[in-house]
């Protein structure tokens, strides 16, 4: 029994659909031994996957970065996701996909010859952020970014993110804002957005952040609503003096951060730029 996970839930593992309590992976799988794999998380609203093409594009990039063979073409991934959804009987949920380098003798170098990748997929029940949370906003603390230098890869090697998230839990806040050499990178599992003087700012796309699928979407929404947008390095001082702060992710959608390090951000309430972007986000979901 896994607490919080119904044993009868259906998962996909290497060509089979199984109950989650029957699915087994070798102890020599490189994902288990080394964290040698990638993953993707796709939100689904009323049976419709949101930004699925962009999620699958990022999955392709992550596999290529780790030089793991692509197990499916695009239509194969779409078919797998649909089969998982059909078996789940859930309409609003999260699709989790994971690919590791496969099972091999424990050795740091890639197996030679290559072995078949391990492919796993599951559906998890999920509720979008409640109206009260959207209206109230979130709290955060600042911490140094001590992770590795390939954060652009959506790797299952997430120990740095796990430790960062636990710092938020220990501090009784919702998220951390990470800074490397005095400049903003991202949250533990979110992209971070800064509003200063009516302009929306984001850290640049590089190896220091994971380019969230909402990163591109937020830029689109800013353009549609006439909000100036700039991707550039953002100092910790700028963040501390911001008019508004926001985070975005597949499961958090877009939420305002109203408290940082125990101090109010701006007015201490979700601001007007957030409200505009949030309305645009909701419209995209409604149009699915």
C-alpha atoms as a PDB file:
ATOM      1  CA  UNK A   1       0.000   0.000   0.000  1.00  0.00           C
ATOM      2  CA  UNK A   2       1.215   3.471  -0.904  1.00  0.00           C
ATOM      3  CA  UNK A   3      -0.458   6.155   1.242  1.00  0.00           C
ATOM      4  CA  UNK A   4      -2.581   8.448  -0.890  1.00  0.00           C
ATOM      5  CA  UNK A   5      -2.331   6.263  -4.016  1.00  0.00           C
ATOM      6  CA  UNK A   6      -5.252   3.908  -4.790  1.00  0.00           C
ATOM      7  CA  UNK A   7      -3.816   0.438  -5.400  1.00  0.00           C
ATOM      8  CA  UNK A   8      -6.134  -0.162  -8.333  1.00  0.00           C
ATOM      9  CA  UNK A   9      -4.837   2.896 -10.226  1.00  0.00           C
ATOM     10  CA  UNK A  10      -3.636   1.969 -13.712  1.00  0.00           C
ATOM     11  CA  UNK A  11      -0.097   2.817 -14.816  1.00  0.00           C
ATOM     12  CA  UNK A  12       1.910   2.126 -17.957  1.00  0.00           C
ATOM     13  CA  UNK A  13       5.277   0.369 -17.682  1.00  0.00           C
ATOM     14  CA  UNK A  14       7.303  -0.875 -20.649  1.00  0.00           C
ATOM     15  CA  UNK A  15       4.417  -1.837 -22.896  1.00  0.00           C
ATOM     16  CA  UNK A  16       1.950  -2.971 -20.234  1.00  0.00           C
ATOM     17  CA  UNK A  17      -0.918  -1.358 -18.365  1.00  0.00           C
ATOM     18  CA  UNK A  18      -0.861  -2.533 -14.753  1.00  0.00           C
ATOM     19  CA  UNK A  19      -2.280  -1.742 -11.354  1.00  0.00           C
ATOM     20  CA  UNK A  20       0.125   0.603  -9.600  1.00  0.00           C
ATOM     21  CA  UNK A  21       0.632  -1.941  -6.808  1.00  0.00           C
ATOM     22  CA  UNK A  22       1.676  -4.552  -9.392  1.00  0.00           C
ATOM     23  CA  UNK A  23       4.134  -2.423 -11.392  1.00  0.00           C
ATOM     24  CA  UNK A  24       7.777  -3.329 -10.687  1.00  0.00           C
ATOM     25  CA  UNK A  25      11.076  -1.816 -11.849  1.00  0.00           C
ATOM     26  CA  UNK A  26      14.483  -3.503 -11.563  1.00  0.00           C
ATOM     27  CA  UNK A  27      16.736  -2.357  -8.728  1.00  0.00           C
ATOM     28  CA  UNK A  28      19.424  -1.965 -11.406  1.00  0.00           C
ATOM     29  CA  UNK A  29      17.398   0.532 -13.402  1.00  0.00           C
ATOM     30  CA  UNK A  30      19.640   3.547 -13.939  1.00  0.00           C
ATOM     31  CA  UNK A  31      16.822   5.855 -12.907  1.00  0.00           C
ATOM     32  CA  UNK A  32      16.868   4.171  -9.485  1.00  0.00           C
ATOM     33  CA  UNK A  33      20.661   3.900  -9.212  1.00  0.00           C
ATOM     34  CA  UNK A  34      21.770   7.207 -10.747  1.00  0.00           C
ATOM     35  CA  UNK A  35      18.672   9.337 -11.304  1.00  0.00           C
ATOM     36  CA  UNK A  36      19.558   8.836 -14.982  1.00  0.00           C
ATOM     37  CA  UNK A  37      16.317   9.787 -16.660  1.00  0.00           C
ATOM     38  CA  UNK A  38      13.849  12.509 -17.546  1.00  0.00           C
ATOM     39  CA  UNK A  39      10.206  13.218 -16.837  1.00  0.00           C
ATOM     40  CA  UNK A  40       7.321  15.401 -17.922  1.00  0.00           C
ATOM     41  CA  UNK A  41       4.112  16.566 -16.229  1.00  0.00           C
ATOM     42  CA  UNK A  42       1.072  17.537 -18.311  1.00  0.00           C
ATOM     43  CA  UNK A  43      -2.056  19.076 -16.741  1.00  0.00           C
ATOM     44  CA  UNK A  44      -5.433  17.937 -18.060  1.00  0.00           C
ATOM     45  CA  UNK A  45      -8.660  19.942 -17.809  1.00  0.00           C
ATOM     46  CA  UNK A  46     -11.988  18.219 -18.483  1.00  0.00           C
ATOM     47  CA  UNK A  47     -10.204  15.523 -20.454  1.00  0.00           C
ATOM     48  CA  UNK A  48      -8.120  17.959 -22.531  1.00  0.00           C
ATOM     49  CA  UNK A  49      -4.348  18.060 -22.132  1.00  0.00           C
ATOM     50  CA  UNK A  50      -3.119  21.663 -21.820  1.00  0.00           C
ATOM     51  CA  UNK A  51      -0.160  22.680 -24.033  1.00  0.00           C
ATOM     52  CA  UNK A  52       0.603  19.024 -24.766  1.00  0.00           C
ATOM     53  CA  UNK A  53       2.665  19.785 -27.875  1.00  0.00           C
ATOM     54  CA  UNK A  54       4.934  22.078 -25.860  1.00  0.00           C
ATOM     55  CA  UNK A  55       5.304  19.468 -23.107  1.00  0.00           C
ATOM     56  CA  UNK A  56       6.242  16.788 -25.630  1.00  0.00           C
ATOM     57  CA  UNK A  57       8.702  19.172 -27.303  1.00  0.00           C
ATOM     58  CA  UNK A  58      10.431  19.625 -23.939  1.00  0.00           C
ATOM     59  CA  UNK A  59      10.430  15.863 -23.380  1.00  0.00           C
ATOM     60  CA  UNK A  60      12.219  15.516 -26.731  1.00  0.00           C
ATOM     61  CA  UNK A  61      14.816  18.104 -25.685  1.00  0.00           C
ATOM     62  CA  UNK A  62      15.436  16.420 -22.340  1.00  0.00           C
ATOM     63  CA  UNK A  63      15.907  12.998 -23.941  1.00  0.00           C
ATOM     64  CA  UNK A  64      18.296  14.471 -26.504  1.00  0.00           C
ATOM     65  CA  UNK A  65      20.288  16.254 -23.790  1.00  0.00           C
ATOM     66  CA  UNK A  66      20.807  12.967 -21.915  1.00  0.00           C
ATOM     67  CA  UNK A  67      21.304  10.988 -25.151  1.00  0.00           C
ATOM     68  CA  UNK A  68      18.508   8.571 -24.261  1.00  0.00           C
ATOM     69  CA  UNK A  69      16.783   6.917 -27.212  1.00  0.00           C
ATOM     70  CA  UNK A  70      13.315   8.283 -27.969  1.00  0.00           C
ATOM     71  CA  UNK A  71      10.938   5.364 -27.228  1.00  0.00           C
ATOM     72  CA  UNK A  72       7.958   6.775 -29.190  1.00  0.00           C
ATOM     73  CA  UNK A  73       7.255   9.151 -32.005  1.00  0.00           C
ATOM     74  CA  UNK A  74       4.860  12.034 -31.351  1.00  0.00           C
ATOM     75  CA  UNK A  75       1.741  10.058 -32.235  1.00  0.00           C
ATOM     76  CA  UNK A  76       2.896   7.230 -29.963  1.00  0.00           C
ATOM     77  CA  UNK A  77       3.151   9.568 -26.970  1.00  0.00           C
ATOM     78  CA  UNK A  78      -0.247  11.080 -27.712  1.00  0.00           C
ATOM     79  CA  UNK A  79      -1.781   7.609 -27.977  1.00  0.00           C
ATOM     80  CA  UNK A  80      -0.193   6.548 -24.665  1.00  0.00           C
ATOM     81  CA  UNK A  81      -1.495   9.648 -22.901  1.00  0.00           C
ATOM     82  CA  UNK A  82      -4.991   9.058 -24.268  1.00  0.00           C
ATOM     83  CA  UNK A  83      -4.962   5.422 -23.165  1.00  0.00           C
ATOM     84  CA  UNK A  84      -3.904   6.452 -19.666  1.00  0.00           C
ATOM     85  CA  UNK A  85      -6.688   9.025 -19.539  1.00  0.00           C
ATOM     86  CA  UNK A  86      -9.273   6.536 -20.805  1.00  0.00           C
ATOM     87  CA  UNK A  87      -8.291   4.026 -18.107  1.00  0.00           C
ATOM     88  CA  UNK A  88      -8.261   6.584 -15.298  1.00  0.00           C
ATOM     89  CA  UNK A  89     -11.847   7.867 -15.544  1.00  0.00           C
ATOM     90  CA  UNK A  90     -10.464  11.243 -14.428  1.00  0.00           C
ATOM     91  CA  UNK A  91     -11.187  14.431 -16.363  1.00  0.00           C
ATOM     92  CA  UNK A  92      -9.087  16.951 -14.440  1.00  0.00           C
ATOM     93  CA  UNK A  93      -5.771  15.358 -13.569  1.00  0.00           C
ATOM     94  CA  UNK A  94      -2.023  15.235 -14.105  1.00  0.00           C
ATOM     95  CA  UNK A  95      -0.228  13.014 -16.628  1.00  0.00           C
ATOM     96  CA  UNK A  96       3.229  11.954 -15.439  1.00  0.00           C
ATOM     97  CA  UNK A  97       5.683  10.521 -17.989  1.00  0.00           C
ATOM     98  CA  UNK A  98       9.162   9.214 -17.176  1.00  0.00           C
ATOM     99  CA  UNK A  99      11.921   7.691 -19.297  1.00  0.00           C
ATOM    100  CA  UNK A 100      15.171   6.323 -17.846  1.00  0.00           C
ATOM    101  CA  UNK A 101      18.242   4.962 -19.603  1.00  0.00           C
ATOM    102  CA  UNK A 102      17.137   1.445 -18.655  1.00  0.00           C
ATOM    103  CA  UNK A 103      18.485  -1.554 -16.752  1.00  0.00           C
ATOM    104  CA  UNK A 104      22.213  -2.319 -16.831  1.00  0.00           C
ATOM    105  CA  UNK A 105      25.185  -3.302 -14.689  1.00  0.00           C
ATOM    106  CA  UNK A 106      25.978  -0.473 -12.296  1.00  0.00           C
ATOM    107  CA  UNK A 107      28.611   1.675 -13.988  1.00  0.00           C
ATOM    108  CA  UNK A 108      28.695   5.449 -14.356  1.00  0.00           C
ATOM    109  CA  UNK A 109      29.294   5.414 -18.108  1.00  0.00           C
ATOM    110  CA  UNK A 110      26.416   4.812 -20.508  1.00  0.00           C
ATOM    111  CA  UNK A 111      25.732   1.107 -21.169  1.00  0.00           C
ATOM    112  CA  UNK A 112      27.397  -0.116 -24.355  1.00  0.00           C
ATOM    113  CA  UNK A 113      25.643  -1.373 -26.305  1.00  0.00           C
ATOM    114  CA  UNK A 114      22.651   0.725 -25.283  1.00  0.00           C
ATOM    115  CA  UNK A 115      19.802  -1.008 -23.446  1.00  0.00           C
ATOM    116  CA  UNK A 116      16.086  -0.361 -23.928  1.00  0.00           C
ATOM    117  CA  UNK A 117      14.868   2.661 -21.965  1.00  0.00           C
ATOM    118  CA  UNK A 118      12.398   2.179 -19.130  1.00  0.00           C
ATOM    119  CA  UNK A 119       9.147   3.997 -19.934  1.00  0.00           C
ATOM    120  CA  UNK A 120       6.616   4.772 -17.217  1.00  0.00           C
ATOM    121  CA  UNK A 121       3.378   6.735 -17.259  1.00  0.00           C
ATOM    122  CA  UNK A 122       0.612   7.401 -14.758  1.00  0.00           C
ATOM    123  CA  UNK A 123      -2.380   9.612 -14.083  1.00  0.00           C
ATOM    124  CA  UNK A 124      -2.823  11.400 -10.752  1.00  0.00           C
ATOM    125  CA  UNK A 125      -5.930  13.101  -9.456  1.00  0.00           C
ATOM    126  CA  UNK A 126      -5.432  16.847  -9.221  1.00  0.00           C
ATOM    127  CA  UNK A 127      -7.388  19.944  -8.335  1.00  0.00           C
ATOM    128  CA  UNK A 128      -6.333  23.343  -9.738  1.00  0.00           C
ATOM    129  CA  UNK A 129      -5.584  26.064  -7.168  1.00  0.00           C
ATOM    130  CA  UNK A 130      -8.727  27.048  -5.294  1.00  0.00           C
ATOM    131  CA  UNK A 131     -10.247  30.505  -5.634  1.00  0.00           C
ATOM    132  CA  UNK A 132      -9.320  31.308  -2.028  1.00  0.00           C
ATOM    133  CA  UNK A 133      -5.644  30.542  -2.663  1.00  0.00           C
ATOM    134  CA  UNK A 134      -5.671  32.640  -5.820  1.00  0.00           C
ATOM    135  CA  UNK A 135      -7.206  35.564  -3.931  1.00  0.00           C
ATOM    136  CA  UNK A 136      -4.961  35.257  -0.885  1.00  0.00           C
ATOM    137  CA  UNK A 137      -1.616  34.674  -2.597  1.00  0.00           C
ATOM    138  CA  UNK A 138       1.443  32.773  -1.418  1.00  0.00           C
ATOM    139  CA  UNK A 139       4.448  33.291   0.831  1.00  0.00           C
ATOM    140  CA  UNK A 140       8.094  32.602   0.029  1.00  0.00           C
ATOM    141  CA  UNK A 141      11.626  32.885   1.373  1.00  0.00           C
ATOM    142  CA  UNK A 142      14.925  33.617  -0.377  1.00  0.00           C
ATOM    143  CA  UNK A 143      17.648  30.958  -0.461  1.00  0.00           C
ATOM    144  CA  UNK A 144      20.911  30.442  -2.366  1.00  0.00           C
ATOM    145  CA  UNK A 145      20.649  28.277  -5.476  1.00  0.00           C
ATOM    146  CA  UNK A 146      23.010  25.365  -4.807  1.00  0.00           C
ATOM    147  CA  UNK A 147      21.862  23.018  -7.568  1.00  0.00           C
ATOM    148  CA  UNK A 148      23.828  21.716 -10.540  1.00  0.00           C
ATOM    149  CA  UNK A 149      24.397  23.702 -13.744  1.00  0.00           C
ATOM    150  CA  UNK A 150      22.025  21.884 -16.087  1.00  0.00           C
ATOM    151  CA  UNK A 151      18.679  22.950 -14.675  1.00  0.00           C
ATOM    152  CA  UNK A 152      17.349  23.270 -18.243  1.00  0.00           C
ATOM    153  CA  UNK A 153      17.050  19.460 -18.382  1.00  0.00           C
ATOM    154  CA  UNK A 154      13.880  18.087 -16.781  1.00  0.00           C
ATOM    155  CA  UNK A 155      15.806  15.308 -15.080  1.00  0.00           C
ATOM    156  CA  UNK A 156      14.543  12.949 -12.388  1.00  0.00           C
ATOM    157  CA  UNK A 157      17.722  13.890 -10.479  1.00  0.00           C
ATOM    158  CA  UNK A 158      15.819  16.334  -8.284  1.00  0.00           C
ATOM    159  CA  UNK A 159      17.644  16.208  -4.945  1.00  0.00           C
ATOM    160  CA  UNK A 160      18.511  19.918  -5.074  1.00  0.00           C
ATOM    161  CA  UNK A 161      14.868  20.780  -5.707  1.00  0.00           C
ATOM    162  CA  UNK A 162      13.703  18.402  -2.977  1.00  0.00           C
ATOM    163  CA  UNK A 163      15.993  20.036  -0.422  1.00  0.00           C
ATOM    164  CA  UNK A 164      14.882  23.495  -1.536  1.00  0.00           C
ATOM    165  CA  UNK A 165      11.197  22.574  -1.242  1.00  0.00           C
ATOM    166  CA  UNK A 166      11.795  21.173   2.235  1.00  0.00           C
ATOM    167  CA  UNK A 167      13.325  24.499   3.259  1.00  0.00           C
ATOM    168  CA  UNK A 168      10.007  26.102   2.331  1.00  0.00           C
ATOM    169  CA  UNK A 169       8.113  23.503   4.353  1.00  0.00           C
ATOM    170  CA  UNK A 170      10.404  23.961   7.358  1.00  0.00           C
ATOM    171  CA  UNK A 171       9.929  27.743   7.163  1.00  0.00           C
ATOM    172  CA  UNK A 172       6.119  27.352   6.908  1.00  0.00           C
ATOM    173  CA  UNK A 173       5.969  29.120   3.543  1.00  0.00           C
ATOM    174  CA  UNK A 174       4.731  28.003   0.138  1.00  0.00           C
ATOM    175  CA  UNK A 175       7.857  28.316  -2.002  1.00  0.00           C
ATOM    176  CA  UNK A 176      11.477  29.412  -2.122  1.00  0.00           C
ATOM    177  CA  UNK A 177      13.025  31.960  -4.473  1.00  0.00           C
ATOM    178  CA  UNK A 178      16.522  30.829  -5.402  1.00  0.00           C
ATOM    179  CA  UNK A 179      19.393  33.185  -6.151  1.00  0.00           C
ATOM    180  CA  UNK A 180      22.729  32.360  -7.780  1.00  0.00           C
ATOM    181  CA  UNK A 181      25.508  34.943  -7.445  1.00  0.00           C
ATOM    182  CA  UNK A 182      22.935  37.538  -6.416  1.00  0.00           C
ATOM    183  CA  UNK A 183      20.523  36.954  -9.308  1.00  0.00           C
ATOM    184  CA  UNK A 184      17.126  35.262  -9.397  1.00  0.00           C
ATOM    185  CA  UNK A 185      16.897  31.807 -10.954  1.00  0.00           C
ATOM    186  CA  UNK A 186      13.642  30.026 -10.053  1.00  0.00           C
ATOM    187  CA  UNK A 187      11.593  28.386  -7.321  1.00  0.00           C
ATOM    188  CA  UNK A 188      11.982  24.801  -6.155  1.00  0.00           C
ATOM    189  CA  UNK A 189       9.444  23.629  -8.751  1.00  0.00           C
ATOM    190  CA  UNK A 190       8.223  26.857 -10.352  1.00  0.00           C
ATOM    191  CA  UNK A 191       9.269  29.704 -12.615  1.00  0.00           C
ATOM    192  CA  UNK A 192       9.297  33.110 -10.904  1.00  0.00           C
ATOM    193  CA  UNK A 193       7.989  36.385 -12.344  1.00  0.00           C
ATOM    194  CA  UNK A 194       8.740  39.926 -11.226  1.00  0.00           C
ATOM    195  CA  UNK A 195       6.665  43.044 -11.910  1.00  0.00           C
ATOM    196  CA  UNK A 196       8.480  46.361 -11.664  1.00  0.00           C
ATOM    197  CA  UNK A 197       7.119  49.660 -12.946  1.00  0.00           C
ATOM    198  CA  UNK A 198       4.352  47.902 -14.860  1.00  0.00           C
ATOM    199  CA  UNK A 199       6.818  45.648 -16.733  1.00  0.00           C
ATOM    200  CA  UNK A 200       6.832  41.854 -16.429  1.00  0.00           C
ATOM    201  CA  UNK A 201      10.337  40.453 -15.904  1.00  0.00           C
ATOM    202  CA  UNK A 202      11.664  36.895 -15.966  1.00  0.00           C
ATOM    203  CA  UNK A 203      15.144  35.368 -15.695  1.00  0.00           C
ATOM    204  CA  UNK A 204      16.554  34.562 -19.141  1.00  0.00           C
ATOM    205  CA  UNK A 205      16.217  31.092 -20.622  1.00  0.00           C
ATOM    206  CA  UNK A 206      19.545  29.382 -20.001  1.00  0.00           C
ATOM    207  CA  UNK A 207      21.073  26.428 -18.173  1.00  0.00           C
ATOM    208  CA  UNK A 208      20.243  27.910 -14.752  1.00  0.00           C
ATOM    209  CA  UNK A 209      16.474  27.454 -15.005  1.00  0.00           C
ATOM    210  CA  UNK A 210      14.013  24.936 -16.344  1.00  0.00           C
ATOM    211  CA  UNK A 211      12.015  26.638 -19.052  1.00  0.00           C
ATOM    212  CA  UNK A 212       8.526  25.917 -17.776  1.00  0.00           C
ATOM    213  CA  UNK A 213       5.805  25.498 -20.380  1.00  0.00           C
ATOM    214  CA  UNK A 214       4.081  28.448 -18.741  1.00  0.00           C
ATOM    215  CA  UNK A 215       7.230  30.512 -19.412  1.00  0.00           C
ATOM    216  CA  UNK A 216       6.254  30.781 -23.058  1.00  0.00           C
ATOM    217  CA  UNK A 217       2.574  31.107 -22.223  1.00  0.00           C
ATOM    218  CA  UNK A 218       3.150  34.026 -19.855  1.00  0.00           C
ATOM    219  CA  UNK A 219       5.029  35.857 -22.596  1.00  0.00           C
ATOM    220  CA  UNK A 220       2.089  35.286 -24.943  1.00  0.00           C
ATOM    221  CA  UNK A 221      -0.409  36.520 -22.353  1.00  0.00           C
ATOM    222  CA  UNK A 222       1.669  39.626 -21.651  1.00  0.00           C
ATOM    223  CA  UNK A 223       1.729  40.458 -25.365  1.00  0.00           C
ATOM    224  CA  UNK A 224      -2.034  39.943 -25.665  1.00  0.00           C
ATOM    225  CA  UNK A 225      -2.786  42.232 -22.720  1.00  0.00           C
ATOM    226  CA  UNK A 226      -0.243  44.931 -23.617  1.00  0.00           C
ATOM    227  CA  UNK A 227       2.016  44.285 -20.629  1.00  0.00           C
ATOM    228  CA  UNK A 228       5.680  44.985 -21.480  1.00  0.00           C
ATOM    229  CA  UNK A 229       7.804  41.851 -21.003  1.00  0.00           C
ATOM    230  CA  UNK A 230      11.561  41.452 -20.720  1.00  0.00           C
ATOM    231  CA  UNK A 231      13.696  38.377 -20.022  1.00  0.00           C
ATOM    232  CA  UNK A 232      16.940  39.408 -18.321  1.00  0.00           C
ATOM    233  CA  UNK A 233      19.008  38.915 -15.209  1.00  0.00           C
ATOM    234  CA  UNK A 234      17.136  40.172 -12.139  1.00  0.00           C
ATOM    235  CA  UNK A 235      19.082  41.121  -9.022  1.00  0.00           C
ATOM    236  CA  UNK A 236      17.983  40.112  -5.557  1.00  0.00           C
ATOM    237  CA  UNK A 237      17.540  43.793  -4.720  1.00  0.00           C
ATOM    238  CA  UNK A 238      15.104  44.189  -7.635  1.00  0.00           C
ATOM    239  CA  UNK A 239      13.137  41.198  -6.405  1.00  0.00           C
ATOM    240  CA  UNK A 240      12.984  42.599  -2.882  1.00  0.00           C
ATOM    241  CA  UNK A 241      11.688  45.926  -4.244  1.00  0.00           C
ATOM    242  CA  UNK A 242       9.224  44.410  -6.745  1.00  0.00           C
ATOM    243  CA  UNK A 243       5.689  45.707  -7.114  1.00  0.00           C
ATOM    244  CA  UNK A 244       4.437  42.158  -7.671  1.00  0.00           C
ATOM    245  CA  UNK A 245       5.848  38.635  -7.660  1.00  0.00           C
ATOM    246  CA  UNK A 246       4.308  35.547  -9.227  1.00  0.00           C
ATOM    247  CA  UNK A 247       5.090  31.898  -9.765  1.00  0.00           C
ATOM    248  CA  UNK A 248       3.966  29.516 -12.469  1.00  0.00           C
ATOM    249  CA  UNK A 249       3.989  25.764 -12.989  1.00  0.00           C
ATOM    250  CA  UNK A 250       1.851  22.988 -14.453  1.00  0.00           C
ATOM    251  CA  UNK A 251       0.130  22.294 -11.131  1.00  0.00           C
ATOM    252  CA  UNK A 252       0.207  25.766  -9.547  1.00  0.00           C
ATOM    253  CA  UNK A 253      -0.858  27.481 -12.796  1.00  0.00           C
ATOM    254  CA  UNK A 254      -0.168  31.183 -12.040  1.00  0.00           C
ATOM    255  CA  UNK A 255      -0.281  32.447  -8.450  1.00  0.00           C
ATOM    256  CA  UNK A 256       0.777  35.681  -6.774  1.00  0.00           C
ATOM    257  CA  UNK A 257       3.495  35.764  -4.119  1.00  0.00           C
ATOM    258  CA  UNK A 258       2.423  38.380  -1.583  1.00  0.00           C
ATOM    259  CA  UNK A 259       5.055  37.840   1.118  1.00  0.00           C
ATOM    260  CA  UNK A 260       8.820  37.387   0.760  1.00  0.00           C
ATOM    261  CA  UNK A 261      11.066  36.763   3.754  1.00  0.00           C
ATOM    262  CA  UNK A 262       8.271  37.853   6.062  1.00  0.00           C
ATOM    263  CA  UNK A 263       7.743  41.203   4.324  1.00  0.00           C
ATOM    264  CA  UNK A 264       4.813  42.176   2.084  1.00  0.00           C
ATOM    265  CA  UNK A 265       5.367  42.264  -1.667  1.00  0.00           C
ATOM    266  CA  UNK A 266       3.924  45.534  -2.967  1.00  0.00           C
ATOM    267  CA  UNK A 267       0.562  46.024  -1.276  1.00  0.00           C
ATOM    268  CA  UNK A 268       0.684  42.550   0.233  1.00  0.00           C
ATOM    269  CA  UNK A 269      -2.132  41.418  -2.059  1.00  0.00           C
ATOM    270  CA  UNK A 270      -2.291  39.993  -5.605  1.00  0.00           C
ATOM    271  CA  UNK A 271      -1.685  42.926  -7.938  1.00  0.00           C
ATOM    272  CA  UNK A 272      -3.233  44.207 -11.175  1.00  0.00           C
ATOM    273  CA  UNK A 273      -0.678  42.616 -13.514  1.00  0.00           C
ATOM    274  CA  UNK A 274      -1.282  39.247 -11.889  1.00  0.00           C
ATOM    275  CA  UNK A 275      -5.032  39.685 -12.282  1.00  0.00           C
ATOM    276  CA  UNK A 276      -4.659  40.446 -16.001  1.00  0.00           C
ATOM    277  CA  UNK A 277      -2.391  37.472 -16.632  1.00  0.00           C
ATOM    278  CA  UNK A 278      -4.556  35.197 -14.527  1.00  0.00           C
ATOM    279  CA  UNK A 279      -7.641  36.188 -16.515  1.00  0.00           C
ATOM    280  CA  UNK A 280      -5.802  35.398 -19.744  1.00  0.00           C
ATOM    281  CA  UNK A 281      -4.671  32.051 -18.355  1.00  0.00           C
ATOM    282  CA  UNK A 282      -8.231  31.159 -17.379  1.00  0.00           C
ATOM    283  CA  UNK A 283      -9.423  32.095 -20.863  1.00  0.00           C
ATOM    284  CA  UNK A 284      -6.897  29.707 -22.433  1.00  0.00           C
ATOM    285  CA  UNK A 285      -8.139  26.871 -20.237  1.00  0.00           C
ATOM    286  CA  UNK A 286     -11.782  27.673 -20.995  1.00  0.00           C
ATOM    287  CA  UNK A 287     -11.003  27.511 -24.718  1.00  0.00           C
ATOM    288  CA  UNK A 288      -9.747  23.911 -24.580  1.00  0.00           C
END
